[in-house]
Amino acid sequence: MHARPALALLATLSLALAACSKPESAPEPVRAVRTVTVASGAAGGVHEYAAEVRARTETRLGFRVAGKLTSRMAEVGQRVKAGQVLAQLDPADLKLQQDAAQAALRAAQAAYDLSAAEFKRYKELREQGFISALELERRDTALQAQKAQLDQAKAQSAVQGNLAAYAALAATAAGVVTGVDAEVGAVLAAGAPVVRLAHDGPRDVVFAVPEDAAAGARVLLGKSGALRVRPWGGAAAVPATVREVAAAADPATRTFLVKADVGAAPVQLGQTMTVLVELPKREGVIKLPLTAVMRQQGQTAVWVLDRSAMTVKVQPVVVAGADGNEVVVASGLAAGATVVTAGVHTLTPGQKVKLYDEAPTAPAAAQPAASVASR
């Protein structure tokens, strides 16, 4: 009577243990990959940089005296002529200073005229023997002092006249206003920028290069047609000459500013350009498709296929640059190696793979069913 409950309990425990056991994992599928056999060849290519057209000379214009800005006639994009008034300060204080200097000049002139007249009379008295030579010398010294004060007053009056004229800000050359740095009502210090003026004349194509390309840019200095520039959206490129390379890197971007002269090319101020720098041809280099390169643990690497075992392993490489849609490998690979070019982000070290172009194994032909035995 007790055998049946024991058997039932044993069966229940067996089923529970079977349910708790982990199912066997399915075997990892063999992934298909595309590969390329590494071979050395020639690499050249073109480096492209984004650039902007700027004026060869651009000036930040400001007043030479302090004051309150009462009017500004210049606007961004406006074309101006040399000597054209662009802004005006309140001239009241400057005019008062000019009037004071002119009054001081008149007083100095009157004092000099009086001293000159006295010296003339004392000179006549000396000739008649009524005064001593020492007295005449004293009068001559007083006359020279008055002359010096008169010269000082004239210079001060001229300075105050110039300062009064500085209340009007005039364009130093013909050009285009590219920026405005002050608005009406602002109280400005002497020299504070008010208007930015791009002078008419030659134009430069300005672009930035990374630190590793600065030395190459300096090699191109002064070489006519060393690079080409192409307007944004345009197909025709014009030759240009590197005119200047910055001596120090920009503290924020760590790039070097390069200025190229485009000569008489019809470019517009502020126009976006593409700079094309031809790279010298290099023989015996290894090139790979961009899809073959990946980043792993902070290094640039590729997957190399072991054909005997049909497994892959990670191979770190050093990239020297780009050539179109390919990368130039400086080191890390040898000619004849097989590199995976597709599916690189789904692989693991030592994983079994197969070539993508391998024909699948055809299934065995089905055998005809045995005929039914005759009755």
Protein backbone atom coordinates (compact mmCIF):
# COMPACT_ATOMS: atom_id res chain seq x y z
CA MET A 1 0.00 0.00 0.00
CA HIS A 2 2.94 2.34 0.70
CA ALA A 3 4.83 1.55 -2.53
CA ARG A 4 2.62 3.61 -4.81
CA PRO A 5 2.97 6.96 -2.91
CA ALA A 6 6.75 6.50 -2.80
CA LEU A 7 6.90 5.91 -6.53
CA ALA A 8 4.72 8.95 -7.17
CA LEU A 9 6.94 11.12 -4.98
CA LEU A 10 10.07 9.90 -6.79
CA ALA A 11 8.53 10.68 -10.16
CA THR A 12 7.60 14.20 -9.04
CA LEU A 13 11.12 14.88 -7.78
CA SER A 14 12.61 13.65 -11.06
CA LEU A 15 10.37 15.96 -13.06
CA ALA A 16 11.27 18.94 -10.84
CA LEU A 17 15.00 18.30 -11.20
CA ALA A 18 14.63 17.98 -14.94
CA ALA A 19 12.78 21.30 -15.10
CA CYS A 20 15.46 23.13 -13.04
CA SER A 21 18.42 21.87 -15.07
CA LYS A 22 19.91 24.36 -17.59
CA PRO A 23 19.28 23.47 -21.21
CA GLU A 24 22.32 22.91 -23.36
CA SER A 25 23.41 26.05 -25.27
CA ALA A 26 23.14 25.97 -29.01
CA PRO A 27 26.47 25.90 -30.84
CA GLU A 28 27.70 29.32 -32.02
CA PRO A 29 27.00 29.80 -35.72
CA VAL A 30 29.91 30.01 -38.13
CA ARG A 31 29.80 33.61 -39.45
CA ALA A 32 30.48 34.45 -43.05
CA VAL A 33 33.00 37.23 -43.65
CA ARG A 34 34.44 39.07 -46.61
CA THR A 35 38.21 39.22 -46.80
CA VAL A 36 40.99 40.81 -48.81
CA THR A 37 44.58 39.69 -49.24
CA VAL A 38 47.02 42.43 -48.28
CA ALA A 39 49.33 43.66 -51.04
CA SER A 40 51.72 46.60 -51.16
CA GLY A 41 51.13 49.37 -53.67
CA ALA A 42 51.32 53.14 -54.25
CA ALA A 43 49.42 55.71 -52.22
CA GLY A 44 48.85 59.37 -52.89
CA GLY A 45 45.56 61.15 -52.55
CA VAL A 46 44.36 64.61 -51.64
CA HIS A 47 43.83 66.28 -48.29
CA GLU A 48 40.77 68.53 -48.12
CA TYR A 49 40.31 71.44 -45.70
CA ALA A 50 37.37 73.78 -45.19
CA ALA A 51 38.36 77.41 -45.74
CA GLU A 52 36.97 80.94 -45.82
CA VAL A 53 37.80 83.93 -48.01
CA ARG A 54 39.04 86.91 -45.99
CA ALA A 55 40.51 90.29 -46.83
CA ARG A 56 44.27 90.54 -46.83
CA THR A 57 43.94 93.58 -44.55
CA GLU A 58 41.14 93.94 -42.00
CA THR A 59 41.18 96.83 -39.52
CA ARG A 60 39.32 97.32 -36.25
CA LEU A 61 38.58 101.04 -36.25
CA GLY A 62 38.14 102.92 -32.98
CA PHE A 63 38.15 106.50 -31.72
CA ARG A 64 41.44 107.95 -30.60
CA VAL A 65 39.69 109.74 -27.72
CA ALA A 66 37.17 108.67 -25.09
CA GLY A 67 33.55 109.75 -25.23
CA LYS A 68 29.91 108.85 -25.70
CA LEU A 69 28.87 107.40 -29.07
CA THR A 70 26.08 109.61 -30.42
CA SER A 71 25.68 108.22 -33.95
CA ARG A 72 26.89 105.36 -36.12
CA MET A 73 26.41 105.51 -39.86
CA ALA A 74 28.12 102.23 -40.78
CA GLU A 75 26.24 98.93 -41.05
CA VAL A 76 27.50 95.40 -41.67
CA GLY A 77 27.95 94.73 -45.37
CA GLN A 78 28.07 98.42 -46.28
CA ARG A 79 30.69 99.50 -48.81
CA VAL A 80 32.51 102.68 -47.78
CA LYS A 81 35.06 105.04 -49.29
CA ALA A 82 38.31 106.28 -47.80
CA GLY A 83 37.63 109.24 -45.49
CA GLN A 84 33.91 108.50 -45.15
CA VAL A 85 32.60 109.21 -41.62
CA LEU A 86 31.42 106.00 -39.97
CA ALA A 87 30.58 107.11 -36.41
CA GLN A 88 30.50 110.22 -34.22
CA LEU A 89 31.23 110.98 -30.54
CA ASP A 90 29.67 113.75 -28.46
CA PRO A 91 32.10 116.64 -29.22
CA ALA A 92 30.99 119.02 -26.41
CA ASP A 93 33.84 118.32 -23.98
CA LEU A 94 36.41 118.22 -26.74
CA LYS A 95 35.19 121.56 -28.08
CA LEU A 96 35.48 123.15 -24.62
CA GLN A 97 39.04 121.84 -24.27
CA GLN A 98 39.85 123.27 -27.69
CA ASP A 99 38.43 126.67 -26.69
CA ALA A 100 40.48 126.64 -23.48
CA ALA A 101 43.64 125.85 -25.43
CA GLN A 102 42.98 128.66 -27.90
CA ALA A 103 42.41 131.12 -25.02
CA ALA A 104 45.69 130.03 -23.45
CA LEU A 105 47.37 130.58 -26.82
CA ARG A 106 46.03 134.14 -27.05
CA ALA A 107 47.24 134.89 -23.54
CA ALA A 108 50.70 133.54 -24.32
CA GLN A 109 50.79 135.57 -27.53
CA ALA A 110 49.91 138.76 -25.66
CA ALA A 111 52.55 138.11 -22.99
CA TYR A 112 55.17 137.50 -25.66
CA ASP A 113 54.27 140.64 -27.55
CA LEU A 114 54.63 142.66 -24.32
CA SER A 115 58.01 141.10 -23.54
CA ALA A 116 59.19 141.75 -27.10
CA ALA A 117 58.19 145.42 -26.89
CA GLU A 118 59.94 145.86 -23.51
CA PHE A 119 63.10 144.22 -24.80
CA LYS A 120 63.11 146.58 -27.76
CA ARG A 121 62.91 149.65 -25.45
CA TYR A 122 65.58 148.33 -23.08
CA LYS A 123 67.84 147.64 -26.03
CA GLU A 124 67.56 151.29 -27.11
CA LEU A 125 68.27 152.41 -23.54
CA ARG A 126 71.37 150.20 -23.47
CA GLU A 127 72.58 151.72 -26.73
CA GLN A 128 72.21 155.17 -25.11
CA GLY A 129 74.04 153.98 -21.97
CA PHE A 130 71.14 154.43 -19.54
CA ILE A 131 71.08 150.76 -18.38
CA SER A 132 73.69 148.11 -17.81
CA ALA A 133 74.34 145.09 -20.00
CA LEU A 134 73.16 142.84 -17.19
CA GLU A 135 69.71 144.43 -17.22
CA LEU A 136 69.47 143.94 -20.97
CA GLU A 137 70.42 140.27 -20.61
CA ARG A 138 67.71 139.85 -17.96
CA ARG A 139 65.12 141.27 -20.34
CA ASP A 140 66.37 139.04 -23.14
CA THR A 141 66.00 135.98 -20.91
CA ALA A 142 62.42 136.98 -20.03
CA LEU A 143 61.65 137.36 -23.74
CA GLN A 144 62.98 133.84 -24.49
CA ALA A 145 60.85 132.39 -21.67
CA GLN A 146 57.75 134.07 -23.07
CA LYS A 147 58.64 132.70 -26.51
CA ALA A 148 58.83 129.17 -25.09
CA GLN A 149 55.46 129.57 -23.37
CA LEU A 150 53.99 130.80 -26.65
CA ASP A 151 55.34 127.75 -28.52
CA GLN A 152 53.92 125.48 -25.82
CA ALA A 153 50.50 127.12 -26.10
CA LYS A 154 50.56 126.76 -29.89
CA ALA A 155 51.36 123.04 -29.61
CA GLN A 156 48.68 122.50 -26.98
CA SER A 157 46.13 124.31 -29.12
CA ALA A 158 47.05 122.14 -32.11
CA VAL A 159 46.70 118.97 -30.00
CA GLN A 160 43.28 120.02 -28.75
CA GLY A 161 42.26 120.81 -32.32
CA ASN A 162 43.25 117.31 -33.38
CA LEU A 163 41.39 115.76 -30.45
CA ALA A 164 38.25 117.64 -31.41
CA ALA A 165 38.58 116.27 -34.96
CA TYR A 166 38.96 112.74 -33.57
CA ALA A 167 35.31 112.85 -32.45
CA ALA A 168 34.47 111.74 -36.00
CA LEU A 169 35.56 108.19 -36.96
CA ALA A 170 36.50 108.01 -40.65
CA ALA A 171 37.33 105.02 -42.85
CA THR A 172 41.06 104.69 -43.40
CA ALA A 173 40.60 102.98 -46.77
CA ALA A 174 37.90 101.89 -49.16
CA GLY A 175 36.35 98.55 -48.23
CA VAL A 176 33.43 96.68 -46.73
CA VAL A 177 32.19 96.84 -43.14
CA THR A 178 32.39 93.30 -41.77
CA GLY A 179 31.41 93.91 -38.16
CA VAL A 180 30.07 96.42 -35.63
CA ASP A 181 31.35 96.32 -32.04
CA ALA A 182 29.58 99.32 -30.43
CA GLU A 183 26.09 100.77 -30.43
CA VAL A 184 24.82 104.33 -30.02
CA GLY A 185 24.79 105.46 -26.39
CA ALA A 186 27.82 103.47 -25.30
CA VAL A 187 30.60 105.31 -23.45
CA LEU A 188 33.83 104.23 -25.08
CA ALA A 189 37.42 104.31 -23.95
CA ALA A 190 40.07 105.55 -26.32
CA GLY A 191 40.93 102.83 -28.84
CA ALA A 192 37.85 100.68 -28.17
CA PRO A 193 36.85 98.96 -31.46
CA VAL A 194 33.70 100.28 -33.07
CA VAL A 195 33.74 99.04 -36.68
CA ARG A 196 35.63 96.28 -38.50
CA LEU A 197 36.63 97.21 -42.02
CA ALA A 198 37.88 94.77 -44.69
CA HIS A 199 40.01 96.74 -47.13
CA ASP A 200 39.54 96.38 -50.86
CA GLY A 201 42.39 94.58 -52.57
CA PRO A 202 43.83 91.05 -52.48
CA ARG A 203 41.95 88.24 -50.81
CA ASP A 204 43.26 85.27 -48.85
CA VAL A 205 41.83 81.78 -48.43
CA VAL A 206 42.24 81.01 -44.72
CA PHE A 207 42.10 77.48 -43.29
CA ALA A 208 43.43 75.51 -40.31
CA VAL A 209 45.62 72.41 -40.42
CA PRO A 210 46.40 69.96 -37.58
CA GLU A 211 49.75 69.96 -35.86
CA ASP A 212 51.09 67.03 -37.88
CA ALA A 213 50.38 68.86 -41.15
CA ALA A 214 51.91 72.23 -40.18
CA ALA A 215 55.43 71.25 -41.27
CA GLY A 216 54.12 70.16 -44.67
CA ALA A 217 52.31 73.48 -45.07
CA ARG A 218 55.53 75.38 -44.37
CA VAL A 219 57.27 73.38 -47.12
CA LEU A 220 54.70 74.80 -49.56
CA LEU A 221 55.37 78.44 -48.56
CA GLY A 222 55.80 80.65 -51.62
CA LYS A 223 55.40 77.81 -54.13
CA SER A 224 53.07 78.94 -56.87
CA GLY A 225 50.15 76.59 -57.44
CA ALA A 226 51.17 74.31 -54.56
CA LEU A 227 47.52 73.80 -53.71
CA ARG A 228 44.11 74.29 -55.29
CA VAL A 229 40.95 75.89 -53.94
CA ARG A 230 37.41 75.16 -55.04
CA PRO A 231 34.31 77.23 -54.22
CA TRP A 232 31.70 75.43 -52.16
CA GLY A 233 29.34 73.67 -54.54
CA GLY A 234 31.53 74.51 -57.53
CA ALA A 235 33.46 72.09 -59.71
CA ALA A 236 36.27 74.30 -61.01
CA ALA A 237 39.35 74.61 -58.79
CA VAL A 238 41.88 77.45 -59.09
CA PRO A 239 45.57 77.35 -58.09
CA ALA A 240 46.70 79.12 -54.93
CA THR A 241 49.99 79.90 -53.19
CA VAL A 242 50.64 79.46 -49.48
CA ARG A 243 51.48 82.94 -48.21
CA GLU A 244 51.64 82.51 -44.45
CA VAL A 245 51.65 79.74 -41.82
CA ALA A 246 51.06 80.61 -38.19
CA ALA A 247 54.13 80.29 -35.99
CA ALA A 248 52.15 78.92 -33.02
CA ALA A 249 49.09 76.70 -32.66
CA ASP A 250 45.73 78.09 -31.63
CA PRO A 251 45.46 77.57 -27.84
CA ALA A 252 41.89 76.27 -28.09
CA THR A 253 41.88 74.11 -31.23
CA ARG A 254 45.62 73.26 -31.38
CA THR A 255 45.59 73.91 -35.13
CA PHE A 256 47.78 76.17 -37.25
CA LEU A 257 46.23 78.92 -39.38
CA VAL A 258 47.31 78.95 -43.04
CA LYS A 259 46.69 81.79 -45.50
CA ALA A 260 46.80 81.17 -49.24
CA ASP A 261 46.86 83.80 -51.99
CA VAL A 262 44.42 83.18 -54.84
CA GLY A 263 45.69 86.03 -57.00
CA ALA A 264 43.06 87.50 -59.30
CA ALA A 265 40.60 84.62 -58.88
CA PRO A 266 36.97 85.87 -58.70
CA VAL A 267 36.25 85.05 -55.04
CA GLN A 268 33.83 86.82 -52.74
CA LEU A 269 34.53 88.04 -49.22
CA GLY A 270 33.32 85.45 -46.70
CA GLN A 271 32.84 82.75 -49.34
CA THR A 272 33.27 79.13 -48.24
CA MET A 273 36.04 77.27 -50.07
CA THR A 274 37.55 73.79 -50.13
CA VAL A 275 41.35 73.60 -50.14
CA LEU A 276 42.85 70.61 -51.97
CA VAL A 277 46.42 69.62 -51.08
CA GLU A 278 47.99 66.93 -53.25
CA LEU A 279 49.85 64.26 -51.29
CA PRO A 280 53.12 62.89 -52.70
CA LYS A 281 52.99 59.37 -54.11
CA ARG A 282 54.43 56.70 -51.81
CA GLU A 283 55.41 53.26 -53.06
CA GLY A 284 55.29 50.00 -51.12
CA VAL A 285 52.45 50.96 -48.79
CA ILE A 286 49.50 48.85 -47.67
CA LYS A 287 45.95 50.07 -48.18
CA LEU A 288 42.75 48.62 -46.74
CA PRO A 289 39.08 49.47 -47.14
CA LEU A 290 37.65 51.73 -44.45
CA THR A 291 35.29 48.93 -43.39
CA ALA A 292 38.23 46.76 -42.32
CA VAL A 293 39.46 49.13 -39.61
CA MET A 294 37.99 49.27 -36.11
CA ARG A 295 38.80 50.68 -32.67
CA GLN A 296 39.40 48.19 -29.88
CA GLN A 297 40.69 49.03 -26.42
CA GLY A 298 41.85 52.43 -27.59
CA GLN A 299 43.83 51.02 -30.53
CA THR A 300 43.25 50.87 -34.25
CA ALA A 301 43.06 47.23 -35.29
CA VAL A 302 41.88 44.77 -37.94
CA TRP A 303 40.78 41.13 -37.93
CA VAL A 304 43.33 38.78 -39.52
CA LEU A 305 42.12 35.39 -40.79
CA ASP A 306 44.08 32.21 -40.09
CA ARG A 307 43.19 30.20 -43.19
CA SER A 308 44.46 26.91 -41.81
CA ALA A 309 42.15 27.03 -38.78
CA MET A 310 39.56 29.43 -40.29
CA THR A 311 39.64 31.55 -37.12
CA VAL A 312 40.21 35.26 -36.64
CA LYS A 313 42.44 37.25 -34.33
CA VAL A 314 42.87 40.96 -33.58
CA GLN A 315 45.88 42.66 -35.13
CA PRO A 316 46.73 46.25 -34.01
CA VAL A 317 47.85 48.53 -36.85
CA VAL A 318 49.07 52.11 -37.27
CA VAL A 319 47.16 54.21 -39.79
CA ALA A 320 49.17 56.82 -41.70
CA GLY A 321 46.29 58.52 -43.50
CA ALA A 322 43.52 58.10 -46.03
CA ASP A 323 43.54 57.65 -49.78
CA GLY A 324 40.02 58.09 -51.03
CA ASN A 325 37.86 55.35 -49.48
CA GLU A 326 40.90 53.44 -48.25
CA VAL A 327 43.23 53.84 -45.28
CA VAL A 328 47.00 53.70 -45.55
CA VAL A 329 48.55 51.32 -42.99
CA ALA A 330 51.98 52.40 -41.78
CA SER A 331 52.78 49.28 -39.73
CA GLY A 332 51.26 46.18 -38.21
CA LEU A 333 50.56 44.19 -41.39
CA ALA A 334 52.65 42.32 -43.89
CA ALA A 335 51.91 41.62 -47.52
CA GLY A 336 50.02 38.36 -48.00
CA ALA A 337 47.94 38.55 -44.80
CA THR A 338 44.19 37.96 -45.10
CA VAL A 339 42.13 40.75 -43.50
CA VAL A 340 38.40 40.72 -42.81
CA THR A 341 36.65 43.65 -44.53
CA ALA A 342 33.01 43.08 -43.58
CA GLY A 343 31.35 41.99 -40.36
CA VAL A 344 34.22 43.17 -38.18
CA HIS A 345 31.99 44.37 -35.34
CA THR A 346 30.35 40.97 -34.76
CA LEU A 347 33.49 38.87 -34.36
CA THR A 348 35.32 37.63 -31.28
CA PRO A 349 38.94 36.45 -30.98
CA GLY A 350 39.36 32.81 -32.04
CA GLN A 351 35.90 32.64 -33.58
CA LYS A 352 35.31 30.19 -36.43
CA VAL A 353 34.34 31.87 -39.68
CA LYS A 354 33.77 31.00 -43.29
CA LEU A 355 34.30 32.97 -46.44
CA TYR A 356 31.25 34.79 -47.69
CA ASP A 357 31.64 33.53 -51.24
CA GLU A 358 31.83 29.85 -50.19
CA ALA A 359 29.12 27.79 -51.86
CA PRO A 360 26.89 26.09 -49.30
CA THR A 361 27.12 22.30 -49.08
CA ALA A 362 24.42 20.76 -51.22
CA PRO A 363 22.11 18.42 -49.30
CA ALA A 364 22.29 14.72 -50.20
CA ALA A 365 19.79 13.61 -52.81
CA ALA A 366 16.73 11.96 -51.29
CA GLN A 367 16.59 8.21 -51.83
CA PRO A 368 13.46 6.89 -53.51
CA ALA A 369 11.06 5.27 -51.17
CA ALA A 370 11.00 1.48 -51.14
CA SER A 371 8.17 0.03 -53.11
CA VAL A 372 5.45 -1.59 -51.20
CA ALA A 373 5.81 -5.31 -51.11
CA SER A 374 3.27 -7.16 -53.09
CA ARG A 375 0.65 -8.90 -51.25
